[in-house]
Every structure is written in C-alpha cells, then in structure tokens.
C-alpha cells in the first residue's frame, strides 16, 4: 500500500501546485478536446474494453499544443472568421484496476499558457491559467477475452472554467455514458466508442453571443498497430461530438466537432512508455484546432494489492503457469515458487504423463536473440527444480524456449507483458 499512497500523494501534490482555476470565455476540455485516458491501454483518447488488472496502477502525463482552437465570431452572426491563437494544455491522470473487470480513473486537465493574436470582435480566451476540469471515470467490462470485448464507460466532469459560454454560469456536472468495443486482428487493435453526453448547463454568460451547449452524441474510433521488434505502436484516432438537439442561436457546425490524431507509443522499459503525435480538425467545431501536437508519458506498476492467485490453468493436455516465478529480465526464481511448483507437480502426476515439455515464454522487450536465451534459461531452471526436488526423471522432461514468438496478450502495455511472461507444461501420454 506504500506504493499506492506515494503515487496518490505525488499526483495530488502536483494538482495542488496548479490549483488556480482557469477563467475565460472558451470551451472546456469536457467538450471533446484532447482527453488522454487514465488506463493507458491500446490508445490515447479512445477507450478499449480492456480494464486494468486488479492492483495495477497507471500514471499519465500529457502535454498538447493546439493552434487556432479558440472560437472567433463576426459580430452577432457567430461565424468563425479569424484564427490566430495558440493554447498549451496538460492532462494528468491516474488509473487503477479494482477487480478483474472493473477499473477507475481520475484526470486533471490544465491550461498552462495561451496567446491571442487577434483581438478584433468577440472571441474565446482564458483570462487565467490553471485547472480547467476534474474528471472521474469508471469502466466495467461485461463481455470479452484477450482478443476483444465490450465495456460500459461512465465519467463525470466537474467544470472549473469560470465564465464559459458553452457551459454557462455555475454549471452542474457533465455526465458521459459510453459503450466501448474493441477487437484484435493479428497486430492490429481496433476500438469504437459510442455514447451520450448530458450537459447540465448554467445560465448564459452576460455579453456572450453563444447559448450554452445542450446534450451531445459522442463517438470515437481508434486503430493501433504493434511493431514488436522496436517495442512501438502506431496509433490513429478520430473523436467527434454532435448536438442531440439544435438550438436556434447555435448552428450545428459550431457546436459539432471532429478531430483526427496520429501518433506513436514507444516502450522505453517494462514500466515506462512515451507518446508523441499530432492531429488536425476534420470539422471546425467549438474545440477543433487547425492542428495540434502532443507528447506524453505512461508509467505503470503493480499490482499494489493482490487477490488469491490462480496458480495454473489446465487446458486439455496443457498447463499454463500463471504465478509469477521470475523477476523481470531474470531466470532466477523468486517468491513462493516451491509451493507453486509443488502444486504443478501434483497436477502433472494426476494427469498422467510419459513426457512433459516445459516451454518458457517472454514479453517483447529486448531482442529476439536475448528473449530466446532467457526463455530457454527459465524453462531449464524449472526442469532442474522438478528433477532435483520433486522426483521427476531427467529423461521425462524436455525444456524449450519460444522467446517472444507466441504472445497471448498485448505486448504493447505493461499488464499484457506480464501475462506473456509465462511457462507452459505440455503432457505427452
């Protein structure tokens, strides 16, 4: 629990450091601006159905620089005419797995800096930098496996931007209800989010030409491709919103938004990943920039708490060992490996065998040659232990390694790599 407490203290300390409230006549991040997801799985802004495993924590920190994202209007006609602004934003978030199918997250978007190049007419701007929103999120996966599934995603946005004409004076919380669907095809991961946003708008801001936004339909789609040899994912995303009900003073083309993002995610280590990419507007809505660039970090660790482990899984004539027996990047067994291998040995005896083939597997971090040697060394370590301590005959056990050639989960994130570091026992009768 010390790790969890330290992580929360760090994130909330950083939030306190930027505790100022953003003020200004501008759309808030809750209206389909750049919102990085707390789980850090698969995509940047699109939710996959996968949840963080129990006790796994992901910390995210993203910066995005947008050009011409603020609205400008031509007198009372409300036509966007002149674009000459820049905006630097930051997203801090924490995600944590609660159960096998449920995780939670919290995000703190900030406005760090801005520049306004044209003061003519009515336009959007922030009067002060600071925290613009607090967002709480929960995701429940009700269907799926390692190849994809479906999940309900619910989030609540608390707008901290003062004098925001798009949400009005003293607005209530914004509720987002979404269905997240995803699947994998070879090295491709595909995701689709469909949802509805309930905006509890306040009274119109005095002097604003714009009536607060009403409820919206929201949608996003993502695709990622894993380049396992260089521990990198290519990520493509589109996110959009559309008014559920048109308002006389708000043409749909202003209240709607759509943006395209393309970027890369590179795993620097088992725990740390770096992001970089850019985007552009597909429709000039209330928060769609001419172009945007972003960079970010995800740091995942854990589990910080554990449920009683399922030591192994029997499928036909195969036993998949799920308990963690080895440190990362090592063939030395750790933890309660004696009891674990005692249970596996008993299961093998019960199944009956003429020969047992022990196969080691690794994640994708490192070269093919290195992972092949590591997987062979881990399989040999288990064979030697069974022969020396559990009475198995040397000729009855073969030890092999498959390196990173046969993953059973996504090597593009921390918890997927944990699942891929495994040992399998195949019984020949």
Protein backbone atom coordinates (compact mmCIF):
# COMPACT_ATOMS: atom_id res chain seq x y z
CA UNK A 1 0.00 0.00 0.00
CA UNK A 2 3.00 2.33 0.39
CA UNK A 3 3.41 2.48 -3.39
CA UNK A 4 -0.26 3.39 -3.86
CA UNK A 5 -0.11 6.10 -1.20
CA UNK A 6 3.05 7.59 -2.66
CA UNK A 7 1.54 7.67 -6.15
CA UNK A 8 -1.62 9.40 -4.96
CA UNK A 9 0.36 11.90 -2.89
CA UNK A 10 2.53 12.81 -5.88
CA UNK A 11 -0.42 13.31 -8.23
CA UNK A 12 -2.47 15.36 -5.79
CA UNK A 13 0.57 17.41 -4.83
CA UNK A 14 1.06 18.27 -8.50
CA UNK A 15 -2.63 19.13 -8.77
CA UNK A 16 -2.31 21.45 -5.78
CA UNK A 17 0.69 23.11 -7.42
CA UNK A 18 -1.58 24.19 -10.31
CA UNK A 19 -4.66 24.74 -8.18
CA UNK A 20 -5.64 28.01 -9.89
CA UNK A 21 -8.98 27.90 -11.69
CA UNK A 22 -8.92 28.58 -15.42
CA UNK A 23 -11.12 31.54 -16.29
CA UNK A 24 -12.33 32.65 -19.67
CA UNK A 25 -14.83 32.64 -22.50
CA UNK A 26 -13.72 29.38 -24.02
CA UNK A 27 -14.85 25.81 -24.43
CA UNK A 28 -13.66 23.50 -21.66
CA UNK A 29 -11.82 20.21 -22.13
CA UNK A 30 -15.05 18.29 -21.50
CA UNK A 31 -16.35 19.26 -24.94
CA UNK A 32 -14.25 16.82 -26.99
CA UNK A 33 -10.89 18.45 -26.55
CA UNK A 34 -7.75 16.33 -26.11
CA UNK A 35 -8.55 13.91 -23.23
CA UNK A 36 -5.99 11.18 -22.54
CA UNK A 37 -7.44 8.03 -20.94
CA UNK A 38 -6.37 7.03 -17.39
CA UNK A 39 -5.78 3.34 -18.16
CA UNK A 40 -3.09 3.92 -20.79
CA UNK A 41 -4.24 0.80 -22.68
CA UNK A 42 -4.18 0.49 -26.50
CA UNK A 43 -4.96 4.11 -27.43
CA UNK A 44 -4.50 7.73 -26.29
CA UNK A 45 -8.05 9.15 -26.17
CA UNK A 46 -10.18 6.15 -27.24
CA UNK A 47 -11.31 3.65 -24.61
CA UNK A 48 -10.72 -0.07 -25.21
CA UNK A 49 -12.91 -2.62 -23.45
CA UNK A 50 -9.89 -3.94 -21.56
CA UNK A 51 -9.57 -2.88 -17.94
CA UNK A 52 -6.52 -2.59 -15.74
CA UNK A 53 -5.92 -5.79 -13.78
CA UNK A 54 -6.54 -5.69 -10.00
CA UNK A 55 -3.91 -3.57 -8.28
CA UNK A 56 -2.25 -2.32 -11.49
CA UNK A 57 -1.75 1.46 -11.47
CA UNK A 58 -1.12 3.67 -14.50
CA UNK A 59 0.13 7.25 -14.18
CA UNK A 60 -0.26 9.51 -17.21
CA UNK A 61 1.11 12.95 -18.04
CA UNK A 62 0.37 14.53 -21.45
CA UNK A 63 1.10 17.93 -22.98
CA UNK A 64 -0.70 19.19 -26.07
CA UNK A 65 -0.11 22.35 -28.09
CA UNK A 66 -3.03 23.48 -30.26
CA UNK A 67 -3.14 26.22 -32.89
CA UNK A 68 -6.39 28.02 -33.69
CA UNK A 69 -8.60 26.10 -31.29
CA UNK A 70 -10.42 29.09 -29.74
CA UNK A 71 -13.66 30.39 -31.29
CA UNK A 72 -13.88 33.77 -33.00
CA UNK A 73 -17.14 35.34 -34.13
CA UNK A 74 -18.05 38.03 -36.63
CA UNK A 75 -20.21 40.39 -34.60
CA UNK A 76 -23.56 38.82 -33.79
CA UNK A 77 -23.53 36.47 -36.79
CA UNK A 78 -21.48 33.89 -34.86
CA UNK A 79 -19.35 32.93 -37.85
CA UNK A 80 -15.82 31.80 -37.14
CA UNK A 81 -13.75 34.12 -39.30
CA UNK A 82 -10.28 34.78 -37.90
CA UNK A 83 -7.94 32.23 -36.35
CA UNK A 84 -4.72 33.33 -34.73
CA UNK A 85 -4.23 31.76 -31.30
CA UNK A 86 -2.22 29.07 -29.53
CA UNK A 87 -3.02 27.03 -26.44
CA UNK A 88 -0.79 24.78 -24.30
CA UNK A 89 -2.66 22.22 -22.20
CA UNK A 90 -1.72 19.41 -19.84
CA UNK A 91 -3.54 16.26 -18.75
CA UNK A 92 -2.58 14.42 -15.55
CA UNK A 93 -4.36 11.18 -14.74
CA UNK A 94 -4.28 8.08 -12.55
CA UNK A 95 -5.93 4.74 -13.35
CA UNK A 96 -6.20 1.71 -11.07
CA UNK A 97 -7.62 -1.78 -11.55
CA UNK A 98 -10.17 -2.73 -8.89
CA UNK A 99 -11.43 -6.17 -9.98
CA UNK A 100 -10.87 -8.43 -13.00
CA UNK A 101 -13.48 -6.46 -14.97
CA UNK A 102 -13.59 -3.01 -13.37
CA UNK A 103 -11.17 -0.09 -13.16
CA UNK A 104 -11.37 3.57 -12.16
CA UNK A 105 -9.55 6.75 -13.05
CA UNK A 106 -9.26 10.45 -12.27
CA UNK A 107 -7.98 13.18 -14.60
CA UNK A 108 -6.88 16.78 -14.08
CA UNK A 109 -6.73 18.86 -17.30
CA UNK A 110 -4.87 22.19 -17.10
CA UNK A 111 -4.40 25.27 -19.22
CA UNK A 112 -0.70 26.16 -18.96
CA UNK A 113 -0.33 29.01 -21.46
CA UNK A 114 -2.05 30.76 -24.35
CA UNK A 115 -1.53 33.52 -26.88
CA UNK A 116 -4.17 35.60 -28.66
CA UNK A 117 -3.09 37.16 -31.95
CA UNK A 118 -6.29 38.93 -32.92
CA UNK A 119 -8.40 40.99 -30.54
CA UNK A 120 -10.99 42.03 -33.14
CA UNK A 121 -14.58 41.08 -32.44
CA UNK A 122 -15.86 38.61 -29.86
CA UNK A 123 -13.54 35.69 -29.32
CA UNK A 124 -12.74 32.99 -26.83
CA UNK A 125 -9.82 33.19 -24.47
CA UNK A 126 -8.70 32.20 -20.99
CA UNK A 127 -8.27 35.04 -18.52
CA UNK A 128 -6.11 32.86 -16.28
CA UNK A 129 -4.26 29.57 -16.48
CA UNK A 130 -4.90 26.66 -14.15
CA UNK A 131 -7.01 23.57 -13.66
CA UNK A 132 -9.98 23.60 -16.06
CA UNK A 133 -11.73 20.40 -15.03
CA UNK A 134 -11.76 17.34 -12.76
CA UNK A 135 -12.92 14.11 -14.37
CA UNK A 136 -13.86 10.85 -12.58
CA UNK A 137 -14.22 7.67 -14.65
CA UNK A 138 -15.25 4.05 -14.19
CA UNK A 139 -15.19 1.19 -16.70
CA UNK A 140 -16.91 -2.20 -16.41
CA UNK A 141 -16.16 -4.93 -18.93
CA UNK A 142 -19.20 -7.19 -19.26
CA UNK A 143 -18.04 -9.28 -22.21
CA UNK A 144 -14.73 -10.27 -23.73
CA UNK A 145 -11.38 -12.03 -23.65
CA UNK A 146 -7.79 -11.29 -24.69
CA UNK A 147 -8.94 -10.75 -28.29
CA UNK A 148 -11.50 -8.03 -27.55
CA UNK A 149 -14.82 -7.31 -25.90
CA UNK A 150 -17.35 -4.73 -24.75
CA UNK A 151 -17.49 -2.43 -21.73
CA UNK A 152 -19.63 0.30 -20.20
CA UNK A 153 -17.73 3.53 -19.52
CA UNK A 154 -19.14 6.27 -17.32
CA UNK A 155 -17.49 9.54 -16.38
CA UNK A 156 -18.38 12.75 -14.57
CA UNK A 157 -16.76 16.08 -15.48
CA UNK A 158 -16.68 18.93 -12.99
CA UNK A 159 -16.05 22.12 -14.98
CA UNK A 160 -13.73 24.57 -13.20
CA UNK A 161 -13.56 27.10 -16.06
CA UNK A 162 -15.24 30.33 -14.98
CA UNK A 163 -17.38 32.37 -17.40
CA UNK A 164 -17.51 29.62 -20.01
CA UNK A 165 -20.31 30.43 -22.51
CA UNK A 166 -20.50 26.81 -23.66
CA UNK A 167 -21.46 25.53 -20.20
CA UNK A 168 -22.92 28.74 -18.75
CA UNK A 169 -22.72 30.32 -15.32
CA UNK A 170 -22.37 27.88 -12.40
CA UNK A 171 -22.95 24.72 -14.47
CA UNK A 172 -23.64 21.33 -12.96
CA UNK A 173 -21.63 18.16 -13.65
CA UNK A 174 -21.34 16.78 -17.18
CA UNK A 175 -22.14 13.07 -17.45
CA UNK A 176 -20.68 10.90 -20.22
CA UNK A 177 -22.13 7.43 -20.87
CA UNK A 178 -20.33 5.29 -23.46
CA UNK A 179 -20.18 1.78 -24.87
CA UNK A 180 -16.59 0.74 -25.65
CA UNK A 181 -15.97 -2.07 -28.13
CA UNK A 182 -12.68 -3.45 -29.41
CA UNK A 183 -11.10 -6.39 -31.19
CA UNK A 184 -7.66 -7.53 -32.31
CA UNK A 185 -6.67 -8.75 -35.76
CA UNK A 186 -3.09 -10.03 -35.76
CA UNK A 187 -1.07 -6.99 -34.66
CA UNK A 188 -3.94 -4.54 -35.13
CA UNK A 189 -6.13 -3.37 -32.25
CA UNK A 190 -9.40 -1.69 -33.27
CA UNK A 191 -11.65 0.30 -30.95
CA UNK A 192 -15.04 2.02 -31.21
CA UNK A 193 -16.75 4.22 -28.59
CA UNK A 194 -20.38 5.37 -28.89
CA UNK A 195 -22.04 7.48 -26.25
CA UNK A 196 -24.19 10.31 -24.99
CA UNK A 197 -23.13 13.41 -23.05
CA UNK A 198 -25.54 15.02 -20.58
CA UNK A 199 -24.64 18.68 -20.03
CA UNK A 200 -26.16 20.43 -17.03
CA UNK A 201 -25.64 23.92 -18.40
CA UNK A 202 -25.97 27.09 -16.37
CA UNK A 203 -27.46 30.44 -17.37
CA UNK A 204 -25.97 32.21 -20.43
CA UNK A 205 -22.87 34.29 -19.75
CA UNK A 206 -23.77 38.02 -19.97
CA UNK A 207 -22.49 39.56 -23.20
CA UNK A 208 -21.93 36.22 -24.91
CA UNK A 209 -23.26 35.59 -28.41
CA UNK A 210 -23.39 31.90 -27.62
CA UNK A 211 -26.05 29.93 -25.79
CA UNK A 212 -24.72 27.12 -23.53
CA UNK A 213 -24.44 23.78 -25.27
CA UNK A 214 -27.07 21.09 -24.81
CA UNK A 215 -26.68 17.32 -24.68
CA UNK A 216 -24.47 15.68 -27.29
CA UNK A 217 -23.89 12.43 -29.10
CA UNK A 218 -20.22 11.44 -28.86
CA UNK A 219 -18.22 8.92 -30.86
CA UNK A 220 -14.61 7.93 -31.37
CA UNK A 221 -12.73 5.27 -33.28
CA UNK A 222 -9.14 4.08 -32.90
CA UNK A 223 -6.67 1.72 -34.54
CA UNK A 224 -3.20 0.74 -33.36
CA UNK A 225 -0.52 -1.44 -34.95
CA UNK A 226 2.22 -3.08 -32.87
CA UNK A 227 5.78 -3.05 -34.22
CA UNK A 228 7.06 -5.61 -31.73
CA UNK A 229 10.66 -5.59 -32.94
CA UNK A 230 11.07 -1.97 -31.87
CA UNK A 231 8.53 -2.01 -28.98
CA UNK A 232 6.42 0.65 -30.68
CA UNK A 233 2.75 1.15 -31.51
CA UNK A 234 1.37 3.28 -34.34
CA UNK A 235 -1.90 4.86 -33.18
CA UNK A 236 -4.67 6.51 -35.23
CA UNK A 237 -7.81 8.06 -33.70
CA UNK A 238 -10.85 10.15 -34.61
CA UNK A 239 -13.13 11.68 -31.97
CA UNK A 240 -16.25 13.73 -32.56
CA UNK A 241 -19.39 15.19 -30.99
CA UNK A 242 -22.76 16.26 -32.40
CA UNK A 243 -25.62 18.16 -30.71
CA UNK A 244 -28.57 15.99 -29.72
CA UNK A 245 -30.88 18.99 -30.19
CA UNK A 246 -30.12 22.04 -32.34
CA UNK A 247 -30.52 25.47 -30.82
CA UNK A 248 -31.58 28.50 -32.82
CA UNK A 249 -28.57 30.55 -31.75
CA UNK A 250 -26.06 27.71 -32.14
CA UNK A 251 -25.65 26.35 -35.68
CA UNK A 252 -24.68 22.67 -35.70
CA UNK A 253 -21.43 23.41 -37.47
CA UNK A 254 -20.27 25.42 -34.45
CA UNK A 255 -21.49 23.07 -31.75
CA UNK A 256 -20.15 19.97 -33.53
CA UNK A 257 -16.51 18.97 -33.58
CA UNK A 258 -14.32 16.28 -35.12
CA UNK A 259 -10.57 15.74 -34.94
CA UNK A 260 -8.02 13.26 -36.31
CA UNK A 261 -4.96 12.17 -34.31
CA UNK A 262 -1.96 10.09 -35.40
CA UNK A 263 0.99 9.19 -33.21
CA UNK A 264 3.39 6.63 -31.81
CA UNK A 265 3.81 4.98 -28.42
CA UNK A 266 7.26 3.60 -27.62
CA UNK A 267 8.05 1.41 -24.60
CA UNK A 268 11.28 2.71 -23.08
CA UNK A 269 11.19 -0.02 -20.43
CA UNK A 270 8.82 -2.57 -18.95
CA UNK A 271 7.05 0.18 -16.96
CA UNK A 272 7.59 3.40 -18.93
CA UNK A 273 6.16 4.40 -22.32
CA UNK A 274 6.48 7.68 -24.22
CA UNK A 275 3.94 9.12 -26.69
CA UNK A 276 4.25 11.66 -29.49
CA UNK A 277 1.90 12.66 -32.28
CA UNK A 278 -0.24 15.29 -33.92
CA UNK A 279 -3.72 15.99 -35.19
CA UNK A 280 -5.95 18.27 -37.20
CA UNK A 281 -9.59 19.28 -37.33
CA UNK A 282 -11.99 17.42 -39.60
CA UNK A 283 -14.78 19.85 -38.76
CA UNK A 284 -14.28 23.35 -37.38
CA UNK A 285 -16.27 22.96 -34.21
CA UNK A 286 -16.01 24.59 -30.82
CA UNK A 287 -12.74 22.90 -29.86
CA UNK A 288 -11.24 21.54 -33.10
CA UNK A 289 -7.85 23.15 -33.84
CA UNK A 290 -6.28 23.75 -37.21
CA UNK A 291 -3.54 21.46 -35.93
CA UNK A 292 -2.28 20.00 -32.67
CA UNK A 293 0.87 18.23 -31.45
CA UNK A 294 1.10 16.18 -28.27
CA UNK A 295 3.59 14.25 -26.18
CA UNK A 296 3.14 12.21 -23.04
CA UNK A 297 4.30 9.54 -20.64
CA UNK A 298 2.63 6.48 -19.12
CA UNK A 299 4.18 4.78 -16.10
CA UNK A 300 2.53 1.53 -14.97
CA UNK A 301 3.37 -0.64 -11.98
CA UNK A 302 1.89 -3.15 -9.57
CA UNK A 303 -0.10 -4.96 -8.54
CA UNK A 304 -0.18 -2.98 -5.30
CA UNK A 305 -2.76 -5.39 -3.91
CA UNK A 306 -3.47 -8.96 -4.91
CA UNK A 307 -6.35 -11.38 -4.83
CA UNK A 308 -5.62 -15.08 -4.15
CA UNK A 309 -3.83 -16.15 -7.35
CA UNK A 310 -4.97 -18.83 -9.74
CA UNK A 311 -1.68 -20.71 -9.83
CA UNK A 312 -2.25 -22.56 -13.07
CA UNK A 313 -4.84 -23.20 -15.75
CA UNK A 314 -5.39 -26.63 -17.33
CA UNK A 315 -6.49 -26.72 -20.97
CA UNK A 316 -6.57 -30.20 -22.48
CA UNK A 317 -3.08 -31.65 -22.13
CA UNK A 318 -1.50 -28.29 -21.30
CA UNK A 319 -0.87 -26.46 -18.02
CA UNK A 320 -0.30 -22.70 -18.23
CA UNK A 321 1.56 -21.45 -15.18
CA UNK A 322 0.16 -18.04 -14.23
CA UNK A 323 2.01 -17.39 -10.98
CA UNK A 324 4.99 -15.02 -11.25
CA UNK A 325 8.12 -17.12 -10.67
CA UNK A 326 10.78 -14.87 -12.14
CA UNK A 327 11.89 -11.29 -11.72
CA UNK A 328 11.75 -9.11 -14.82
CA UNK A 329 14.77 -9.79 -17.05
CA UNK A 330 15.94 -12.76 -14.92
CA UNK A 331 15.87 -16.57 -14.81
CA UNK A 332 16.24 -16.69 -11.00
CA UNK A 333 13.06 -17.95 -9.32
CA UNK A 334 11.59 -15.74 -6.60
CA UNK A 335 8.71 -15.70 -4.13
CA UNK A 336 6.82 -18.82 -3.07
CA UNK A 337 7.97 -20.83 -6.06
CA UNK A 338 8.39 -24.05 -4.04
CA UNK A 339 4.68 -24.26 -3.18
CA UNK A 340 3.73 -23.21 -6.70
CA UNK A 341 5.82 -25.92 -8.36
CA UNK A 342 4.67 -28.47 -5.77
CA UNK A 343 1.08 -27.82 -6.87
CA UNK A 344 2.03 -28.01 -10.56
CA UNK A 345 3.93 -31.28 -9.98
CA UNK A 346 0.87 -32.77 -8.26
CA UNK A 347 -1.31 -31.71 -11.20
CA UNK A 348 1.10 -33.32 -13.68
CA UNK A 349 1.12 -36.58 -11.70
CA UNK A 350 -2.68 -36.58 -11.61
CA UNK A 351 -2.90 -36.03 -15.37
CA UNK A 352 -0.51 -38.91 -16.02
CA UNK A 353 2.41 -38.43 -18.38
CA UNK A 354 5.05 -40.19 -20.42
CA UNK A 355 6.92 -36.96 -21.06
CA UNK A 356 6.49 -33.33 -20.01
CA UNK A 357 7.60 -30.49 -22.28
CA UNK A 358 8.36 -27.27 -20.36
CA UNK A 359 8.23 -24.18 -22.60
CA UNK A 360 9.30 -20.72 -21.48
CA UNK A 361 7.85 -17.51 -22.97
CA UNK A 362 8.84 -13.84 -22.65
CA UNK A 363 7.41 -10.44 -23.45
CA UNK A 364 8.64 -8.37 -26.40
CA UNK A 365 11.08 -6.07 -24.58
CA UNK A 366 14.58 -6.79 -25.92
CA UNK A 367 15.96 -8.52 -28.99
CA UNK A 368 14.74 -11.82 -30.43
CA UNK A 369 18.04 -13.50 -29.57
CA UNK A 370 18.08 -12.27 -25.98
CA UNK A 371 14.49 -13.30 -25.29
CA UNK A 372 15.09 -16.72 -26.83
CA UNK A 373 18.02 -17.34 -24.47
CA UNK A 374 16.03 -16.02 -21.49
CA UNK A 375 13.02 -18.25 -22.21
CA UNK A 376 15.28 -21.30 -22.54
CA UNK A 377 17.05 -20.46 -19.27
CA UNK A 378 13.72 -20.13 -17.41
CA UNK A 379 12.43 -23.44 -18.77
CA UNK A 380 15.71 -25.13 -17.79
CA UNK A 381 15.53 -23.65 -14.28
CA UNK A 382 12.08 -25.19 -13.76
CA UNK A 383 13.16 -28.54 -15.23
CA UNK A 384 16.17 -28.69 -12.91
CA UNK A 385 13.99 -27.85 -9.92
CA UNK A 386 11.43 -30.57 -10.72
CA UNK A 387 14.19 -33.14 -11.21
CA UNK A 388 16.15 -32.15 -8.11
CA UNK A 389 13.30 -31.51 -5.68
CA UNK A 390 10.16 -33.27 -6.97
CA UNK A 391 11.49 -36.63 -8.15
CA UNK A 392 10.95 -36.22 -11.89
CA UNK A 393 13.33 -38.18 -14.13
CA UNK A 394 15.65 -36.15 -16.35
CA UNK A 395 14.62 -38.02 -19.49
CA UNK A 396 10.92 -37.39 -18.72
CA UNK A 397 11.22 -33.60 -19.08
CA UNK A 398 12.20 -31.52 -22.11
CA UNK A 399 12.93 -27.81 -21.64
CA UNK A 400 12.41 -25.42 -24.55
CA UNK A 401 12.09 -21.70 -25.12
CA UNK A 402 9.89 -19.79 -27.55
CA UNK A 403 11.12 -16.30 -26.67
CA UNK A 404 8.59 -13.66 -27.66
CA UNK A 405 7.20 -15.56 -30.64
CA UNK A 406 3.89 -16.71 -29.09
CA UNK A 407 2.26 -13.90 -27.06
CA UNK A 408 -1.17 -14.49 -25.53
CA UNK A 409 -1.78 -10.81 -24.66
CA UNK A 410 -0.90 -7.34 -25.91
CA UNK A 411 2.85 -6.69 -25.68
CA UNK A 412 2.08 -3.00 -26.16
CA UNK A 413 1.22 -2.38 -22.50
CA UNK A 414 2.53 -3.24 -19.05
CA UNK A 415 -0.09 -5.75 -17.95
CA UNK A 416 -0.12 -7.55 -21.29
CA UNK A 417 3.61 -8.11 -20.99
CA UNK A 418 3.06 -9.56 -17.52
CA UNK A 419 0.71 -12.18 -18.99
CA UNK A 420 3.16 -13.06 -21.75
CA UNK A 421 5.97 -13.83 -19.28
CA UNK A 422 4.79 -17.36 -18.57
CA UNK A 423 5.71 -21.05 -18.56
CA UNK A 424 3.64 -23.79 -20.20
CA UNK A 425 3.74 -27.54 -19.48
CA UNK A 426 2.55 -29.89 -22.24
CA UNK A 427 1.86 -33.51 -21.26
CA UNK A 428 2.63 -36.32 -23.69
CA UNK A 429 0.89 -39.55 -22.70
